[in-house]
Amino acid sequence: MRLSRPLSVMILMAAMVAGAAWYAPPQNQTAQIAVMLPIATYHTLAQKGEAEVDSTGRPRSVVRVIEDFAAQ
């Protein structure tokens, strides 16, 4: 049985993609952590979130303010 050159190249490329997908390590999601804050710190972060609005015009949550600090 003979295969045409384009068909054999496509089969080879499909085998390579399947092999790469099989060997690729699984992707892990980032872990969530819990943070204990003093109430004064929480209120300061809440005020900072209320002073800066997000793209929808709503005040940012304390979680979002902490995430922005962590990204810096």
PDB file of N, CA and C in Angstrom:
ATOM      1  N   MET A   1       0.846  -1.172   0.000  1.00  0.00           N
ATOM      2  CA  MET A   1       0.000   0.000   0.000  1.00  0.00           C
ATOM      3  C   MET A   1       0.894   1.239   0.000  1.00  0.00           C
ATOM      4  N   ARG A   2       0.623   2.155  -0.885  1.00  0.00           N
ATOM      5  CA  ARG A   2       1.418   3.368  -0.971  1.00  0.00           C
ATOM      6  C   ARG A   2       0.564   4.561  -0.542  1.00  0.00           C
ATOM      7  N   LEU A   3       1.205   5.462   0.208  1.00  0.00           N
ATOM      8  CA  LEU A   3       0.535   6.693   0.632  1.00  0.00           C
ATOM      9  C   LEU A   3       1.144   7.863  -0.122  1.00  0.00           C
ATOM     10  N   SER A   4       0.318   8.824  -0.441  1.00  0.00           N
ATOM     11  CA  SER A   4       0.854  10.013  -1.103  1.00  0.00           C
ATOM     12  C   SER A   4       1.707  10.809  -0.119  1.00  0.00           C
ATOM     13  N   ARG A   5       2.615  11.603  -0.626  1.00  0.00           N
ATOM     14  CA  ARG A   5       3.530  12.367   0.219  1.00  0.00           C
ATOM     15  C   ARG A   5       2.770  13.321   1.154  1.00  0.00           C
ATOM     16  N   PRO A   6       1.800  14.094   0.679  1.00  0.00           N
ATOM     17  CA  PRO A   6       1.085  14.988   1.609  1.00  0.00           C
ATOM     18  C   PRO A   6       0.361  14.219   2.727  1.00  0.00           C
ATOM     19  N   LEU A   7      -0.204  13.080   2.384  1.00  0.00           N
ATOM     20  CA  LEU A   7      -0.900  12.302   3.396  1.00  0.00           C
ATOM     21  C   LEU A   7       0.077  11.746   4.427  1.00  0.00           C
ATOM     22  N   SER A   8       1.237  11.288   3.990  1.00  0.00           N
ATOM     23  CA  SER A   8       2.214  10.751   4.933  1.00  0.00           C
ATOM     24  C   SER A   8       2.777  11.854   5.828  1.00  0.00           C
ATOM     25  N   VAL A   9       2.954  13.064   5.287  1.00  0.00           N
ATOM     26  CA  VAL A   9       3.420  14.192   6.100  1.00  0.00           C
ATOM     27  C   VAL A   9       2.368  14.559   7.137  1.00  0.00           C
ATOM     28  N   MET A  10       1.107  14.568   6.749  1.00  0.00           N
ATOM     29  CA  MET A  10       0.032  14.884   7.697  1.00  0.00           C
ATOM     30  C   MET A  10      -0.045  13.836   8.799  1.00  0.00           C
ATOM     31  N   ILE A  11       0.114  12.574   8.459  1.00  0.00           N
ATOM     32  CA  ILE A  11       0.087  11.504   9.461  1.00  0.00           C
ATOM     33  C   ILE A  11       1.261  11.667  10.421  1.00  0.00           C
ATOM     34  N   LEU A  12       2.436  11.969   9.885  1.00  0.00           N
ATOM     35  CA  LEU A  12       3.614  12.171  10.721  1.00  0.00           C
ATOM     36  C   LEU A  12       3.421  13.360  11.657  1.00  0.00           C
ATOM     37  N   MET A  13       2.891  14.457  11.142  1.00  0.00           N
ATOM     38  CA  MET A  13       2.664  15.640  11.987  1.00  0.00           C
ATOM     39  C   MET A  13       1.613  15.359  13.050  1.00  0.00           C
ATOM     40  N   ALA A  14       0.557  14.626  12.717  1.00  0.00           N
ATOM     41  CA  ALA A  14      -0.463  14.276  13.706  1.00  0.00           C
ATOM     42  C   ALA A  14       0.137  13.407  14.806  1.00  0.00           C
ATOM     43  N   ALA A  15       1.010  12.486  14.435  1.00  0.00           N
ATOM     44  CA  ALA A  15       1.668  11.641  15.435  1.00  0.00           C
ATOM     45  C   ALA A  15       2.572  12.469  16.326  1.00  0.00           C
ATOM     46  N   MET A  16       3.253  13.462  15.754  1.00  0.00           N
ATOM     47  CA  MET A  16       4.121  14.321  16.559  1.00  0.00           C
ATOM     48  C   MET A  16       3.327  15.179  17.532  1.00  0.00           C
ATOM     49  N   VAL A  17       2.201  15.721  17.079  1.00  0.00           N
ATOM     50  CA  VAL A  17       1.353  16.529  17.964  1.00  0.00           C
ATOM     51  C   VAL A  17       0.783  15.662  19.070  1.00  0.00           C
ATOM     52  N   ALA A  18       0.330  14.465  18.751  1.00  0.00           N
ATOM     53  CA  ALA A  18      -0.208  13.561  19.769  1.00  0.00           C
ATOM     54  C   ALA A  18       0.875  13.177  20.770  1.00  0.00           C
ATOM     55  N   GLY A  19       2.086  12.932  20.299  1.00  0.00           N
ATOM     56  CA  GLY A  19       3.184  12.598  21.197  1.00  0.00           C
ATOM     57  C   GLY A  19       3.545  13.753  22.100  1.00  0.00           C
ATOM     58  N   ALA A  20       3.571  14.960  21.556  1.00  0.00           N
ATOM     59  CA  ALA A  20       3.886  16.138  22.375  1.00  0.00           C
ATOM     60  C   ALA A  20       2.811  16.373  23.424  1.00  0.00           C
ATOM     61  N   ALA A  21       1.549  16.178  23.055  1.00  0.00           N
ATOM     62  CA  ALA A  21       0.466  16.352  24.025  1.00  0.00           C
ATOM     63  C   ALA A  21       0.532  15.292  25.115  1.00  0.00           C
ATOM     64  N   TRP A  22       0.974  14.108  24.758  1.00  0.00           N
ATOM     65  CA  TRP A  22       1.059  13.032  25.747  1.00  0.00           C
ATOM     66  C   TRP A  22       2.228  13.262  26.704  1.00  0.00           C
ATOM     67  N   TYR A  23       3.344  13.788  26.197  1.00  0.00           N
ATOM     68  CA  TYR A  23       4.519  14.031  27.030  1.00  0.00           C
ATOM     69  C   TYR A  23       4.451  15.327  27.819  1.00  0.00           C
ATOM     70  N   ALA A  24       3.604  16.255  27.434  1.00  0.00           N
ATOM     71  CA  ALA A  24       3.527  17.550  28.106  1.00  0.00           C
ATOM     72  C   ALA A  24       3.072  17.364  29.550  1.00  0.00           C
ATOM     73  N   PRO A  25       3.687  18.084  30.481  1.00  0.00           N
ATOM     74  CA  PRO A  25       3.259  17.967  31.873  1.00  0.00           C
ATOM     75  C   PRO A  25       1.873  18.585  32.058  1.00  0.00           C
ATOM     76  N   PRO A  26       1.096  18.067  32.977  1.00  0.00           N
ATOM     77  CA  PRO A  26      -0.232  18.649  33.213  1.00  0.00           C
ATOM     78  C   PRO A  26      -0.099  20.055  33.790  1.00  0.00           C
ATOM     79  N   GLN A  27      -1.026  20.911  33.418  1.00  0.00           N
ATOM     80  CA  GLN A  27      -1.011  22.283  33.898  1.00  0.00           C
ATOM     81  C   GLN A  27      -1.665  22.357  35.272  1.00  0.00           C
ATOM     82  N   ASN A  28      -1.015  23.057  36.176  1.00  0.00           N
ATOM     83  CA  ASN A  28      -1.545  23.223  37.536  1.00  0.00           C
ATOM     84  C   ASN A  28      -2.103  24.626  37.688  1.00  0.00           C
ATOM     85  N   GLN A  29      -3.222  24.719  38.370  1.00  0.00           N
ATOM     86  CA  GLN A  29      -3.763  26.030  38.669  1.00  0.00           C
ATOM     87  C   GLN A  29      -3.046  26.573  39.898  1.00  0.00           C
ATOM     88  N   THR A  30      -3.047  27.889  39.999  1.00  0.00           N
ATOM     89  CA  THR A  30      -2.384  28.496  41.141  1.00  0.00           C
ATOM     90  C   THR A  30      -3.154  28.167  42.419  1.00  0.00           C
ATOM     91  N   ALA A  31      -2.426  28.006  43.480  1.00  0.00           N
ATOM     92  CA  ALA A  31      -3.038  27.668  44.759  1.00  0.00           C
ATOM     93  C   ALA A  31      -3.645  28.911  45.400  1.00  0.00           C
ATOM     94  N   GLN A  32      -4.714  28.720  46.098  1.00  0.00           N
ATOM     95  CA  GLN A  32      -5.317  29.818  46.840  1.00  0.00           C
ATOM     96  C   GLN A  32      -4.811  29.767  48.267  1.00  0.00           C
ATOM     97  N   ILE A  33      -4.608  30.946  48.838  1.00  0.00           N
ATOM     98  CA  ILE A  33      -4.144  31.009  50.213  1.00  0.00           C
ATOM     99  C   ILE A  33      -5.121  31.847  51.025  1.00  0.00           C
ATOM    100  N   ALA A  34      -5.115  31.629  52.305  1.00  0.00           N
ATOM    101  CA  ALA A  34      -5.937  32.415  53.214  1.00  0.00           C
ATOM    102  C   ALA A  34      -5.025  33.364  53.986  1.00  0.00           C
ATOM    103  N   VAL A  35      -5.491  34.589  54.172  1.00  0.00           N
ATOM    104  CA  VAL A  35      -4.699  35.604  54.866  1.00  0.00           C
ATOM    105  C   VAL A  35      -5.511  36.125  56.029  1.00  0.00           C
ATOM    106  N   MET A  36      -4.877  36.164  57.183  1.00  0.00           N
ATOM    107  CA  MET A  36      -5.516  36.743  58.370  1.00  0.00           C
ATOM    108  C   MET A  36      -5.020  38.179  58.506  1.00  0.00           C
ATOM    109  N   LEU A  37      -5.948  39.136  58.474  1.00  0.00           N
ATOM    110  CA  LEU A  37      -5.598  40.551  58.565  1.00  0.00           C
ATOM    111  C   LEU A  37      -6.195  41.162  59.819  1.00  0.00           C
ATOM    112  N   PRO A  38      -5.467  42.068  60.431  1.00  0.00           N
ATOM    113  CA  PRO A  38      -6.101  42.848  61.504  1.00  0.00           C
ATOM    114  C   PRO A  38      -7.222  43.693  60.913  1.00  0.00           C
ATOM    115  N   ILE A  39      -8.214  44.000  61.713  1.00  0.00           N
ATOM    116  CA  ILE A  39      -9.387  44.726  61.214  1.00  0.00           C
ATOM    117  C   ILE A  39      -9.005  46.105  60.687  1.00  0.00           C
ATOM    118  N   ALA A  40      -8.010  46.744  61.300  1.00  0.00           N
ATOM    119  CA  ALA A  40      -7.589  48.065  60.831  1.00  0.00           C
ATOM    120  C   ALA A  40      -6.978  47.964  59.432  1.00  0.00           C
ATOM    121  N   THR A  41      -6.210  46.934  59.182  1.00  0.00           N
ATOM    122  CA  THR A  41      -5.616  46.735  57.859  1.00  0.00           C
ATOM    123  C   THR A  41      -6.697  46.448  56.831  1.00  0.00           C
ATOM    124  N   TYR A  42      -7.686  45.634  57.218  1.00  0.00           N
ATOM    125  CA  TYR A  42      -8.787  45.332  56.312  1.00  0.00           C
ATOM    126  C   TYR A  42      -9.539  46.605  55.938  1.00  0.00           C
ATOM    127  N   HIS A  43      -9.806  47.460  56.915  1.00  0.00           N
ATOM    128  CA  HIS A  43     -10.524  48.702  56.634  1.00  0.00           C
ATOM    129  C   HIS A  43      -9.685  49.633  55.748  1.00  0.00           C
ATOM    130  N   THR A  44      -8.371  49.664  55.959  1.00  0.00           N
ATOM    131  CA  THR A  44      -7.500  50.480  55.111  1.00  0.00           C
ATOM    132  C   THR A  44      -7.537  49.980  53.670  1.00  0.00           C
ATOM    133  N   LEU A  45      -7.484  48.665  53.486  1.00  0.00           N
ATOM    134  CA  LEU A  45      -7.555  48.101  52.136  1.00  0.00           C
ATOM    135  C   LEU A  45      -8.930  48.338  51.509  1.00  0.00           C
ATOM    136  N   ALA A  46      -9.980  48.270  52.326  1.00  0.00           N
ATOM    137  CA  ALA A  46     -11.330  48.529  51.813  1.00  0.00           C
ATOM    138  C   ALA A  46     -11.456  49.977  51.354  1.00  0.00           C
ATOM    139  N   GLN A  47     -10.875  50.904  52.116  1.00  0.00           N
ATOM    140  CA  GLN A  47     -10.915  52.314  51.713  1.00  0.00           C
ATOM    141  C   GLN A  47     -10.118  52.534  50.432  1.00  0.00           C
ATOM    142  N   LYS A  48      -8.993  51.857  50.301  1.00  0.00           N
ATOM    143  CA  LYS A  48      -8.196  51.973  49.076  1.00  0.00           C
ATOM    144  C   LYS A  48      -8.985  51.429  47.889  1.00  0.00           C
ATOM    145  N   GLY A  49      -9.706  50.319  48.088  1.00  0.00           N
ATOM    146  CA  GLY A  49     -10.525  49.761  47.024  1.00  0.00           C
ATOM    147  C   GLY A  49     -11.677  50.651  46.636  1.00  0.00           C
ATOM    148  N   GLU A  50     -12.261  51.340  47.611  1.00  0.00           N
ATOM    149  CA  GLU A  50     -13.359  52.252  47.305  1.00  0.00           C
ATOM    150  C   GLU A  50     -12.867  53.493  46.577  1.00  0.00           C
ATOM    151  N   ALA A  51     -11.630  53.896  46.833  1.00  0.00           N
ATOM    152  CA  ALA A  51     -11.084  55.087  46.183  1.00  0.00           C
ATOM    153  C   ALA A  51     -10.745  54.827  44.716  1.00  0.00           C
ATOM    154  N   GLU A  52     -10.400  53.570  44.380  1.00  0.00           N
ATOM    155  CA  GLU A  52     -10.030  53.237  43.007  1.00  0.00           C
ATOM    156  C   GLU A  52     -11.077  52.282  42.440  1.00  0.00           C
ATOM    157  N   VAL A  53     -11.737  52.693  41.380  1.00  0.00           N
ATOM    158  CA  VAL A  53     -12.773  51.862  40.773  1.00  0.00           C
ATOM    159  C   VAL A  53     -12.165  51.002  39.678  1.00  0.00           C
ATOM    160  N   ASP A  54     -12.838  49.883  39.370  1.00  0.00           N
ATOM    161  CA  ASP A  54     -12.367  49.010  38.287  1.00  0.00           C
ATOM    162  C   ASP A  54     -12.934  49.485  36.951  1.00  0.00           C
ATOM    163  N   SER A  55     -12.757  48.679  35.927  1.00  0.00           N
ATOM    164  CA  SER A  55     -13.179  49.080  34.576  1.00  0.00           C
ATOM    165  C   SER A  55     -14.691  49.220  34.440  1.00  0.00           C
ATOM    166  N   THR A  56     -15.458  48.572  35.324  1.00  0.00           N
ATOM    167  CA  THR A  56     -16.918  48.679  35.254  1.00  0.00           C
ATOM    168  C   THR A  56     -17.457  49.834  36.072  1.00  0.00           C
ATOM    169  N   GLY A  57     -16.576  50.530  36.794  1.00  0.00           N
ATOM    170  CA  GLY A  57     -17.011  51.663  37.600  1.00  0.00           C
ATOM    171  C   GLY A  57     -17.358  51.307  39.033  1.00  0.00           C
ATOM    172  N   ARG A  58     -17.211  50.047  39.381  1.00  0.00           N
ATOM    173  CA  ARG A  58     -17.507  49.626  40.752  1.00  0.00           C
ATOM    174  C   ARG A  58     -16.237  49.684  41.592  1.00  0.00           C
ATOM    175  N   PRO A  59     -16.377  49.900  42.900  1.00  0.00           N
ATOM    176  CA  PRO A  59     -15.186  49.881  43.754  1.00  0.00           C
ATOM    177  C   PRO A  59     -14.570  48.489  43.782  1.00  0.00           C
ATOM    178  N   ARG A  60     -13.246  48.439  43.900  1.00  0.00           N
ATOM    179  CA  ARG A  60     -12.557  47.151  43.938  1.00  0.00           C
ATOM    180  C   ARG A  60     -12.727  46.523  45.316  1.00  0.00           C
ATOM    181  N   SER A  61     -12.766  45.203  45.348  1.00  0.00           N
ATOM    182  CA  SER A  61     -12.874  44.488  46.623  1.00  0.00           C
ATOM    183  C   SER A  61     -11.508  44.422  47.285  1.00  0.00           C
ATOM    184  N   VAL A  62     -11.506  44.059  48.554  1.00  0.00           N
ATOM    185  CA  VAL A  62     -10.259  43.919  49.304  1.00  0.00           C
ATOM    186  C   VAL A  62      -9.400  42.823  48.671  1.00  0.00           C
ATOM    187  N   VAL A  63     -10.034  41.756  48.227  1.00  0.00           N
ATOM    188  CA  VAL A  63      -9.296  40.671  47.578  1.00  0.00           C
ATOM    189  C   VAL A  63      -8.585  41.188  46.335  1.00  0.00           C
ATOM    190  N   ARG A  64      -9.279  41.996  45.548  1.00  0.00           N
ATOM    191  CA  ARG A  64      -8.680  42.539  44.315  1.00  0.00           C
ATOM    192  C   ARG A  64      -7.526  43.487  44.644  1.00  0.00           C
ATOM    193  N   VAL A  65      -7.664  44.278  45.705  1.00  0.00           N
ATOM    194  CA  VAL A  65      -6.586  45.184  46.110  1.00  0.00           C
ATOM    195  C   VAL A  65      -5.356  44.365  46.518  1.00  0.00           C
ATOM    196  N   ILE A  66      -5.557  43.280  47.264  1.00  0.00           N
ATOM    197  CA  ILE A  66      -4.448  42.427  47.674  1.00  0.00           C
ATOM    198  C   ILE A  66      -3.804  41.773  46.459  1.00  0.00           C
ATOM    199  N   GLU A  67      -4.618  41.291  45.500  1.00  0.00           N
ATOM    200  CA  GLU A  67      -4.077  40.678  44.289  1.00  0.00           C
ATOM    201  C   GLU A  67      -3.253  41.667  43.481  1.00  0.00           C
ATOM    202  N   ASP A  68      -3.696  42.931  43.441  1.00  0.00           N
ATOM    203  CA  ASP A  68      -2.926  43.943  42.724  1.00  0.00           C
ATOM    204  C   ASP A  68      -1.599  44.214  43.417  1.00  0.00           C
ATOM    205  N   PHE A  69      -1.605  44.227  44.754  1.00  0.00           N
ATOM    206  CA  PHE A  69      -0.346  44.386  45.491  1.00  0.00           C
ATOM    207  C   PHE A  69       0.583  43.218  45.232  1.00  0.00           C
ATOM    208  N   ALA A  70       0.038  42.024  45.176  1.00  0.00           N
ATOM    209  CA  ALA A  70       0.854  40.825  44.959  1.00  0.00           C
ATOM    210  C   ALA A  70       1.441  40.811  43.561  1.00  0.00           C
ATOM    211  N   ALA A  71       0.757  41.398  42.592  1.00  0.00           N
ATOM    212  CA  ALA A  71       1.244  41.400  41.216  1.00  0.00           C
ATOM    213  C   ALA A  71       2.391  42.386  41.010  1.00  0.00           C
ATOM    214  N   GLN A  72       2.551  43.329  41.923  1.00  0.00           N
ATOM    215  CA  GLN A  72       3.600  44.345  41.768  1.00  0.00           C
ATOM    216  C   GLN A  72       4.963  43.795  42.080  1.00  0.00           C
TER     217      GLN A  72
END
